[in-house]
PDB file of N, CA and C in Angstrom:
ATOM      1  N   MET A   1     -34.640  32.503 -40.394  1.00  0.00           N
ATOM      2  CA  MET A   1     -34.401  31.556 -41.464  1.00  0.00           C
ATOM      3  C   MET A   1     -33.580  32.179 -42.581  1.00  0.00           C
ATOM      4  N   GLU A   2     -33.822  33.447 -42.857  1.00  0.00           N
ATOM      5  CA  GLU A   2     -33.122  34.129 -43.940  1.00  0.00           C
ATOM      6  C   GLU A   2     -31.626  34.267 -43.637  1.00  0.00           C
ATOM      7  N   VAL A   3     -31.276  34.505 -42.368  1.00  0.00           N
ATOM      8  CA  VAL A   3     -29.869  34.628 -41.985  1.00  0.00           C
ATOM      9  C   VAL A   3     -29.145  33.313 -42.221  1.00  0.00           C
ATOM     10  N   ARG A   4     -29.780  32.221 -41.894  1.00  0.00           N
ATOM     11  CA  ARG A   4     -29.178  30.898 -42.098  1.00  0.00           C
ATOM     12  C   ARG A   4     -28.954  30.627 -43.587  1.00  0.00           C
ATOM     13  N   ASP A   5     -29.940  30.970 -44.424  1.00  0.00           N
ATOM     14  CA  ASP A   5     -29.793  30.771 -45.867  1.00  0.00           C
ATOM     15  C   ASP A   5     -28.647  31.615 -46.407  1.00  0.00           C
ATOM     16  N   ARG A   6     -28.502  32.831 -45.913  1.00  0.00           N
ATOM     17  CA  ARG A   6     -27.425  33.720 -46.367  1.00  0.00           C
ATOM     18  C   ARG A   6     -26.065  33.143 -45.975  1.00  0.00           C
ATOM     19  N   ARG A   7     -25.975  32.594 -44.761  1.00  0.00           N
ATOM     20  CA  ARG A   7     -24.714  31.980 -44.322  1.00  0.00           C
ATOM     21  C   ARG A   7     -24.376  30.769 -45.170  1.00  0.00           C
ATOM     22  N   ASP A   8     -25.374  29.963 -45.499  1.00  0.00           N
ATOM     23  CA  ASP A   8     -25.154  28.799 -46.355  1.00  0.00           C
ATOM     24  C   ASP A   8     -24.673  29.223 -47.734  1.00  0.00           C
ATOM     25  N   LEU A   9     -25.266  30.271 -48.261  1.00  0.00           N
ATOM     26  CA  LEU A   9     -24.865  30.786 -49.561  1.00  0.00           C
ATOM     27  C   LEU A   9     -23.435  31.311 -49.515  1.00  0.00           C
ATOM     28  N   ASP A  10     -23.084  32.044 -48.449  1.00  0.00           N
ATOM     29  CA  ASP A  10     -21.728  32.567 -48.313  1.00  0.00           C
ATOM     30  C   ASP A  10     -20.708  31.437 -48.220  1.00  0.00           C
ATOM     31  N   SER A  11     -21.010  30.411 -47.435  1.00  0.00           N
ATOM     32  CA  SER A  11     -20.058  29.311 -47.295  1.00  0.00           C
ATOM     33  C   SER A  11     -19.964  28.502 -48.591  1.00  0.00           C
ATOM     34  N   THR A  12     -21.056  28.379 -49.315  1.00  0.00           N
ATOM     35  CA  THR A  12     -21.018  27.683 -50.603  1.00  0.00           C
ATOM     36  C   THR A  12     -20.128  28.431 -51.585  1.00  0.00           C
ATOM     37  N   GLN A  13     -20.276  29.753 -51.621  1.00  0.00           N
ATOM     38  CA  GLN A  13     -19.427  30.557 -52.505  1.00  0.00           C
ATOM     39  C   GLN A  13     -17.972  30.486 -52.076  1.00  0.00           C
ATOM     40  N   LEU A  14     -17.722  30.460 -50.778  1.00  0.00           N
ATOM     41  CA  LEU A  14     -16.365  30.364 -50.265  1.00  0.00           C
ATOM     42  C   LEU A  14     -15.728  29.039 -50.670  1.00  0.00           C
ATOM     43  N   TYR A  15     -16.447  27.939 -50.495  1.00  0.00           N
ATOM     44  CA  TYR A  15     -15.916  26.630 -50.868  1.00  0.00           C
ATOM     45  C   TYR A  15     -15.702  26.534 -52.373  1.00  0.00           C
ATOM     46  N   ARG A  16     -16.605  27.115 -53.142  1.00  0.00           N
ATOM     47  CA  ARG A  16     -16.432  27.119 -54.590  1.00  0.00           C
ATOM     48  C   ARG A  16     -15.182  27.913 -54.969  1.00  0.00           C
ATOM     49  N   GLY A  17     -14.951  29.020 -54.283  1.00  0.00           N
ATOM     50  CA  GLY A  17     -13.754  29.828 -54.531  1.00  0.00           C
ATOM     51  C   GLY A  17     -12.489  29.055 -54.220  1.00  0.00           C
ATOM     52  N   PHE A  18     -12.480  28.321 -53.105  1.00  0.00           N
ATOM     53  CA  PHE A  18     -11.319  27.497 -52.769  1.00  0.00           C
ATOM     54  C   PHE A  18     -11.097  26.422 -53.829  1.00  0.00           C
ATOM     55  N   GLY A  19     -12.168  25.794 -54.268  1.00  0.00           N
ATOM     56  CA  GLY A  19     -12.054  24.751 -55.287  1.00  0.00           C
ATOM     57  C   GLY A  19     -11.538  25.288 -56.602  1.00  0.00           C
ATOM     58  N   ASP A  20     -12.050  26.444 -57.017  1.00  0.00           N
ATOM     59  CA  ASP A  20     -11.578  27.058 -58.257  1.00  0.00           C
ATOM     60  C   ASP A  20     -10.101  27.430 -58.158  1.00  0.00           C
ATOM     61  N   THR A  21      -9.706  27.954 -57.008  1.00  0.00           N
ATOM     62  CA  THR A  21      -8.314  28.341 -56.808  1.00  0.00           C
ATOM     63  C   THR A  21      -7.394  27.129 -56.835  1.00  0.00           C
ATOM     64  N   MET A  22      -7.796  26.056 -56.197  1.00  0.00           N
ATOM     65  CA  MET A  22      -6.971  24.843 -56.211  1.00  0.00           C
ATOM     66  C   MET A  22      -6.864  24.270 -57.625  1.00  0.00           C
ATOM     67  N   ALA A  23      -7.944  24.308 -58.372  1.00  0.00           N
ATOM     68  CA  ALA A  23      -7.921  23.816 -59.745  1.00  0.00           C
ATOM     69  C   ALA A  23      -6.979  24.650 -60.604  1.00  0.00           C
ATOM     70  N   ARG A  24      -7.036  25.960 -60.447  1.00  0.00           N
ATOM     71  CA  ARG A  24      -6.142  26.833 -61.216  1.00  0.00           C
ATOM     72  C   ARG A  24      -4.685  26.625 -60.826  1.00  0.00           C
ATOM     73  N   ALA A  25      -4.411  26.485 -59.541  1.00  0.00           N
ATOM     74  CA  ALA A  25      -3.035  26.254 -59.086  1.00  0.00           C
ATOM     75  C   ALA A  25      -2.507  24.938 -59.653  1.00  0.00           C
ATOM     76  N   PHE A  26      -3.311  23.912 -59.604  1.00  0.00           N
ATOM     77  CA  PHE A  26      -2.915  22.617 -60.145  1.00  0.00           C
ATOM     78  C   PHE A  26      -2.649  22.722 -61.639  1.00  0.00           C
ATOM     79  N   GLU A  27      -3.531  23.425 -62.328  1.00  0.00           N
ATOM     80  CA  GLU A  27      -3.393  23.604 -63.770  1.00  0.00           C
ATOM     81  C   GLU A  27      -2.136  24.399 -64.116  1.00  0.00           C
ATOM     82  N   LEU A  28      -1.823  25.420 -63.325  1.00  0.00           N
ATOM     83  CA  LEU A  28      -0.631  26.231 -63.570  1.00  0.00           C
ATOM     84  C   LEU A  28       0.658  25.436 -63.394  1.00  0.00           C
ATOM     85  N   VAL A  29       0.645  24.463 -62.518  1.00  0.00           N
ATOM     86  CA  VAL A  29       1.840  23.655 -62.274  1.00  0.00           C
ATOM     87  C   VAL A  29       1.923  22.482 -63.242  1.00  0.00           C
ATOM     88  N   VAL A  30       0.837  21.775 -63.424  1.00  0.00           N
ATOM     89  CA  VAL A  30       0.866  20.525 -64.180  1.00  0.00           C
ATOM     90  C   VAL A  30       1.004  20.747 -65.688  1.00  0.00           C
ATOM     91  N   THR A  31       0.350  21.765 -66.227  1.00  0.00           N
ATOM     92  CA  THR A  31       0.379  21.968 -67.678  1.00  0.00           C
ATOM     93  C   THR A  31       1.797  22.211 -68.209  1.00  0.00           C
ATOM     94  N   PRO A  32       2.564  23.175 -67.653  1.00  0.00           N
ATOM     95  CA  PRO A  32       3.938  23.334 -68.148  1.00  0.00           C
ATOM     96  C   PRO A  32       4.811  22.104 -67.902  1.00  0.00           C
ATOM     97  N   LEU A  33       4.588  21.418 -66.782  1.00  0.00           N
ATOM     98  CA  LEU A  33       5.362  20.198 -66.527  1.00  0.00           C
ATOM     99  C   LEU A  33       5.054  19.124 -67.561  1.00  0.00           C
ATOM    100  N   ALA A  34       3.785  18.963 -67.902  1.00  0.00           N
ATOM    101  CA  ALA A  34       3.397  17.959 -68.893  1.00  0.00           C
ATOM    102  C   ALA A  34       3.990  18.300 -70.262  1.00  0.00           C
ATOM    103  N   PHE A  35       3.934  19.576 -70.647  1.00  0.00           N
ATOM    104  CA  PHE A  35       4.509  19.978 -71.926  1.00  0.00           C
ATOM    105  C   PHE A  35       6.027  19.822 -71.914  1.00  0.00           C
ATOM    106  N   GLY A  36       6.651  20.177 -70.796  1.00  0.00           N
ATOM    107  CA  GLY A  36       8.094  19.992 -70.672  1.00  0.00           C
ATOM    108  C   GLY A  36       8.483  18.528 -70.757  1.00  0.00           C
ATOM    109  N   LEU A  37       7.717  17.665 -70.127  1.00  0.00           N
ATOM    110  CA  LEU A  37       7.976  16.224 -70.195  1.00  0.00           C
ATOM    111  C   LEU A  37       7.812  15.705 -71.618  1.00  0.00           C
ATOM    112  N   LEU A  38       6.770  16.162 -72.288  1.00  0.00           N
ATOM    113  CA  LEU A  38       6.575  15.777 -73.679  1.00  0.00           C
ATOM    114  C   LEU A  38       7.757  16.244 -74.536  1.00  0.00           C
ATOM    115  N   GLY A  39       8.206  17.477 -74.301  1.00  0.00           N
ATOM    116  CA  GLY A  39       9.374  17.989 -75.019  1.00  0.00           C
ATOM    117  C   GLY A  39      10.631  17.190 -74.714  1.00  0.00           C
ATOM    118  N   TRP A  40      10.788  16.787 -73.468  1.00  0.00           N
ATOM    119  CA  TRP A  40      11.947  15.978 -73.077  1.00  0.00           C
ATOM    120  C   TRP A  40      11.925  14.629 -73.802  1.00  0.00           C
ATOM    121  N   LEU A  41      10.742  14.031 -73.909  1.00  0.00           N
ATOM    122  CA  LEU A  41      10.626  12.761 -74.636  1.00  0.00           C
ATOM    123  C   LEU A  41      10.970  12.942 -76.116  1.00  0.00           C
ATOM    124  N   VAL A  42      10.505  14.035 -76.709  1.00  0.00           N
ATOM    125  CA  VAL A  42      10.838  14.318 -78.108  1.00  0.00           C
ATOM    126  C   VAL A  42      12.338  14.551 -78.247  1.00  0.00           C
ATOM    127  N   ASP A  43      12.936  15.269 -77.296  1.00  0.00           N
ATOM    128  CA  ASP A  43      14.382  15.509 -77.313  1.00  0.00           C
ATOM    129  C   ASP A  43      15.169  14.200 -77.227  1.00  0.00           C
ATOM    130  N   ARG A  44      14.725  13.313 -76.384  1.00  0.00           N
ATOM    131  CA  ARG A  44      15.405  12.003 -76.281  1.00  0.00           C
ATOM    132  C   ARG A  44      15.276  11.230 -77.578  1.00  0.00           C
ATOM    133  N   TRP A  45      14.107  11.283 -78.171  1.00  0.00           N
ATOM    134  CA  TRP A  45      13.847  10.546 -79.403  1.00  0.00           C
ATOM    135  C   TRP A  45      14.675  11.109 -80.557  1.00  0.00           C
ATOM    136  N   LEU A  46      14.743  12.444 -80.654  1.00  0.00           N
ATOM    137  CA  LEU A  46      15.471  13.076 -81.758  1.00  0.00           C
ATOM    138  C   LEU A  46      16.927  13.385 -81.430  1.00  0.00           C
ATOM    139  N   GLY A  47      17.304  13.325 -80.160  1.00  0.00           N
ATOM    140  CA  GLY A  47      18.677  13.629 -79.761  1.00  0.00           C
ATOM    141  C   GLY A  47      19.008  15.115 -79.892  1.00  0.00           C
ATOM    142  N   THR A  48      18.077  15.977 -79.551  1.00  0.00           N
ATOM    143  CA  THR A  48      18.269  17.416 -79.735  1.00  0.00           C
ATOM    144  C   THR A  48      18.603  18.156 -78.444  1.00  0.00           C
ATOM    145  N   GLY A  49      19.083  17.489 -77.442  1.00  0.00           N
ATOM    146  CA  GLY A  49      19.430  18.167 -76.188  1.00  0.00           C
ATOM    147  C   GLY A  49      18.188  18.553 -75.415  1.00  0.00           C
ATOM    148  N   ARG A  50      18.072  19.838 -75.107  1.00  0.00           N
ATOM    149  CA  ARG A  50      16.925  20.318 -74.327  1.00  0.00           C
ATOM    150  C   ARG A  50      16.028  21.254 -75.123  1.00  0.00           C
ATOM    151  N   LEU A  51      16.164  21.288 -76.400  1.00  0.00           N
ATOM    152  CA  LEU A  51      15.458  22.238 -77.247  1.00  0.00           C
ATOM    153  C   LEU A  51      13.939  22.136 -77.100  1.00  0.00           C
ATOM    154  N   PHE A  52      13.378  20.972 -77.338  1.00  0.00           N
ATOM    155  CA  PHE A  52      11.924  20.826 -77.319  1.00  0.00           C
ATOM    156  C   PHE A  52      11.355  20.904 -75.904  1.00  0.00           C
ATOM    157  N   ALA A  53      12.106  20.452 -74.914  1.00  0.00           N
ATOM    158  CA  ALA A  53      11.630  20.551 -73.532  1.00  0.00           C
ATOM    159  C   ALA A  53      11.458  22.018 -73.141  1.00  0.00           C
ATOM    160  N   LEU A  54      12.455  22.834 -73.455  1.00  0.00           N
ATOM    161  CA  LEU A  54      12.354  24.256 -73.141  1.00  0.00           C
ATOM    162  C   LEU A  54      11.299  24.951 -73.990  1.00  0.00           C
ATOM    163  N   LEU A  55      11.268  24.623 -75.269  1.00  0.00           N
ATOM    164  CA  LEU A  55      10.324  25.261 -76.178  1.00  0.00           C
ATOM    165  C   LEU A  55       8.874  24.944 -75.790  1.00  0.00           C
ATOM    166  N   LEU A  56       8.566  23.687 -75.576  1.00  0.00           N
ATOM    167  CA  LEU A  56       7.198  23.317 -75.210  1.00  0.00           C
ATOM    168  C   LEU A  56       6.820  23.820 -73.820  1.00  0.00           C
ATOM    169  N   GLY A  57       7.775  23.804 -72.884  1.00  0.00           N
ATOM    170  CA  GLY A  57       7.505  24.360 -71.557  1.00  0.00           C
ATOM    171  C   GLY A  57       7.202  25.845 -71.630  1.00  0.00           C
ATOM    172  N   LEU A  58       7.951  26.578 -72.456  1.00  0.00           N
ATOM    173  CA  LEU A  58       7.720  28.006 -72.632  1.00  0.00           C
ATOM    174  C   LEU A  58       6.376  28.280 -73.309  1.00  0.00           C
ATOM    175  N   VAL A  59       6.053  27.489 -74.312  1.00  0.00           N
ATOM    176  CA  VAL A  59       4.751  27.632 -74.983  1.00  0.00           C
ATOM    177  C   VAL A  59       3.617  27.407 -73.983  1.00  0.00           C
ATOM    178  N   ALA A  60       3.758  26.427 -73.111  1.00  0.00           N
ATOM    179  CA  ALA A  60       2.723  26.150 -72.112  1.00  0.00           C
ATOM    180  C   ALA A  60       2.582  27.308 -71.125  1.00  0.00           C
ATOM    181  N   VAL A  61       3.695  27.861 -70.683  1.00  0.00           N
ATOM    182  CA  VAL A  61       3.642  28.977 -69.734  1.00  0.00           C
ATOM    183  C   VAL A  61       2.980  30.195 -70.382  1.00  0.00           C
ATOM    184  N   ILE A  62       3.376  30.508 -71.606  1.00  0.00           N
ATOM    185  CA  ILE A  62       2.783  31.651 -72.304  1.00  0.00           C
ATOM    186  C   ILE A  62       1.298  31.403 -72.555  1.00  0.00           C
ATOM    187  N   GLY A  63       0.949  30.195 -72.951  1.00  0.00           N
ATOM    188  CA  GLY A  63      -0.457  29.861 -73.171  1.00  0.00           C
ATOM    189  C   GLY A  63      -1.287  29.993 -71.904  1.00  0.00           C
ATOM    190  N   MET A  64      -0.740  29.581 -70.779  1.00  0.00           N
ATOM    191  CA  MET A  64      -1.456  29.706 -69.510  1.00  0.00           C
ATOM    192  C   MET A  64      -1.629  31.173 -69.121  1.00  0.00           C
ATOM    193  N   MET A  65      -0.602  31.985 -69.385  1.00  0.00           N
ATOM    194  CA  MET A  65      -0.712  33.411 -69.078  1.00  0.00           C
ATOM    195  C   MET A  65      -1.805  34.066 -69.918  1.00  0.00           C
ATOM    196  N   VAL A  66      -1.847  33.745 -71.197  1.00  0.00           N
ATOM    197  CA  VAL A  66      -2.867  34.303 -72.085  1.00  0.00           C
ATOM    198  C   VAL A  66      -4.252  33.833 -71.658  1.00  0.00           C
ATOM    199  N   ARG A  67      -4.375  32.559 -71.345  1.00  0.00           N
ATOM    200  CA  ARG A  67      -5.660  32.008 -70.916  1.00  0.00           C
ATOM    201  C   ARG A  67      -6.143  32.669 -69.629  1.00  0.00           C
ATOM    202  N   MET A  68      -5.243  32.862 -68.677  1.00  0.00           N
ATOM    203  CA  MET A  68      -5.640  33.488 -67.413  1.00  0.00           C
ATOM    204  C   MET A  68      -6.012  34.954 -67.619  1.00  0.00           C
ATOM    205  N   TYR A  69      -5.293  35.657 -68.491  1.00  0.00           N
ATOM    206  CA  TYR A  69      -5.606  37.061 -68.756  1.00  0.00           C
ATOM    207  C   TYR A  69      -7.007  37.203 -69.342  1.00  0.00           C
ATOM    208  N   PHE A  70      -7.299  36.437 -70.385  1.00  0.00           N
ATOM    209  CA  PHE A  70      -8.609  36.549 -71.011  1.00  0.00           C
ATOM    210  C   PHE A  70      -9.721  36.000 -70.111  1.00  0.00           C
ATOM    211  N   GLY A  71      -9.428  34.987 -69.328  1.00  0.00           N
ATOM    212  CA  GLY A  71     -10.407  34.494 -68.357  1.00  0.00           C
ATOM    213  C   GLY A  71     -10.730  35.550 -67.312  1.00  0.00           C
ATOM    214  N   TYR A  72      -9.707  36.292 -66.889  1.00  0.00           N
ATOM    215  CA  TYR A  72      -9.913  37.382 -65.935  1.00  0.00           C
ATOM    216  C   TYR A  72     -10.774  38.476 -66.557  1.00  0.00           C
ATOM    217  N   GLN A  73     -10.509  38.815 -67.809  1.00  0.00           N
ATOM    218  CA  GLN A  73     -11.293  39.846 -68.489  1.00  0.00           C
ATOM    219  C   GLN A  73     -12.777  39.451 -68.563  1.00  0.00           C
ATOM    220  N   VAL A  74     -13.047  38.217 -68.917  1.00  0.00           N
ATOM    221  CA  VAL A  74     -14.430  37.738 -69.010  1.00  0.00           C
ATOM    222  C   VAL A  74     -15.094  37.767 -67.634  1.00  0.00           C
ATOM    223  N   GLU A  75     -14.374  37.333 -66.619  1.00  0.00           N
ATOM    224  CA  GLU A  75     -14.921  37.310 -65.258  1.00  0.00           C
ATOM    225  C   GLU A  75     -15.240  38.726 -64.773  1.00  0.00           C
ATOM    226  N   MET A  76     -14.375  39.674 -65.057  1.00  0.00           N
ATOM    227  CA  MET A  76     -14.604  41.051 -64.628  1.00  0.00           C
ATOM    228  C   MET A  76     -15.772  41.691 -65.386  1.00  0.00           C
ATOM    229  N   GLU A  77     -15.916  41.364 -66.664  1.00  0.00           N
ATOM    230  CA  GLU A  77     -17.063  41.875 -67.419  1.00  0.00           C
ATOM    231  C   GLU A  77     -18.370  41.347 -66.836  1.00  0.00           C
ATOM    232  N   ARG A  78     -18.378  40.067 -66.479  1.00  0.00           N
ATOM    233  CA  ARG A  78     -19.581  39.484 -65.868  1.00  0.00           C
ATOM    234  C   ARG A  78     -19.859  40.124 -64.512  1.00  0.00           C
ATOM    235  N   HIS A  79     -18.820  40.369 -63.752  1.00  0.00           N
ATOM    236  CA  HIS A  79     -18.966  41.007 -62.446  1.00  0.00           C
ATOM    237  C   HIS A  79     -19.475  42.442 -62.598  1.00  0.00           C
ATOM    238  N   GLU A  80     -18.949  43.169 -63.556  1.00  0.00           N
ATOM    239  CA  GLU A  80     -19.361  44.555 -63.789  1.00  0.00           C
ATOM    240  C   GLU A  80     -20.823  44.644 -64.235  1.00  0.00           C
ATOM    241  N   ARG A  81     -21.274  43.671 -65.018  1.00  0.00           N
ATOM    242  CA  ARG A  81     -22.665  43.686 -65.480  1.00  0.00           C
ATOM    243  C   ARG A  81     -23.649  43.643 -64.317  1.00  0.00           C
ATOM    244  N   GLY A  82     -23.301  42.943 -63.261  1.00  0.00           N
ATOM    245  CA  GLY A  82     -24.197  42.821 -62.120  1.00  0.00           C
ATOM    246  C   GLY A  82     -24.011  43.901 -61.080  1.00  0.00           C
ATOM    247  N   ALA A  83     -23.113  44.851 -61.310  1.00  0.00           N
ATOM    248  CA  ALA A  83     -22.815  45.882 -60.319  1.00  0.00           C
ATOM    249  C   ALA A  83     -23.877  46.984 -60.336  1.00  0.00           C
ATOM    250  N   PRO A  84     -24.078  47.626 -59.199  1.00  0.00           N
ATOM    251  CA  PRO A  84     -25.083  48.692 -59.126  1.00  0.00           C
ATOM    252  C   PRO A  84     -24.761  49.874 -60.044  1.00  0.00           C
ATOM    253  N   TRP A  85     -23.499  50.141 -60.302  1.00  0.00           N
ATOM    254  CA  TRP A  85     -23.106  51.288 -61.124  1.00  0.00           C
ATOM    255  C   TRP A  85     -23.204  50.995 -62.614  1.00  0.00           C
ATOM    256  N   ALA A  86     -23.570  49.789 -62.985  1.00  0.00           N
ATOM    257  CA  ALA A  86     -23.637  49.404 -64.401  1.00  0.00           C
ATOM    258  C   ALA A  86     -24.824  50.033 -65.109  1.00  0.00           C
ATOM    259  N   GLY A  87     -25.813  50.455 -64.376  1.00  0.00           N
ATOM    260  CA  GLY A  87     -27.004  51.038 -65.006  1.00  0.00           C
ATOM    261  C   GLY A  87     -28.027  49.974 -65.361  1.00  0.00           C
ATOM    262  N   ARG A  88     -29.098  50.404 -65.936  1.00  0.00           N
ATOM    263  CA  ARG A  88     -30.181  49.473 -66.264  1.00  0.00           C
ATOM    264  C   ARG A  88     -29.833  48.519 -67.396  1.00  0.00           C
ATOM    265  N   ASP A  89     -29.176  49.025 -68.420  1.00  0.00           N
ATOM    266  CA  ASP A  89     -28.906  48.201 -69.591  1.00  0.00           C
ATOM    267  C   ASP A  89     -27.707  47.271 -69.398  1.00  0.00           C
ATOM    268  N   GLY A  90     -26.993  47.371 -68.260  1.00  0.00           N
ATOM    269  CA  GLY A  90     -25.905  46.453 -67.958  1.00  0.00           C
ATOM    270  C   GLY A  90     -24.571  46.840 -68.559  1.00  0.00           C
ATOM    271  N   ARG A  91     -24.473  48.077 -69.106  1.00  0.00           N
ATOM    272  CA  ARG A  91     -23.183  48.498 -69.676  1.00  0.00           C
ATOM    273  C   ARG A  91     -22.423  49.362 -68.731  1.00  0.00           C
TER     274      ARG A  91
END
């Protein structure tokens, strides 16, 4: 019975990993596109060429990079806390 429970847990974690990865991939593509589209609409409204489309798209890309970096740092800290080498106090 224990082997079956372990397999269920492994497959649940695997499916959760796939779901998280798909969500991040979607977010990485859609967010800069949405900001770029918003910038394009502002450019059309103000007649400024491609200024706001590029600027907002760049801001979105940089924001996503910063968000992913700090999210990775938090995830690794949580992972390290549960590691055998972390010691008793979790540091």
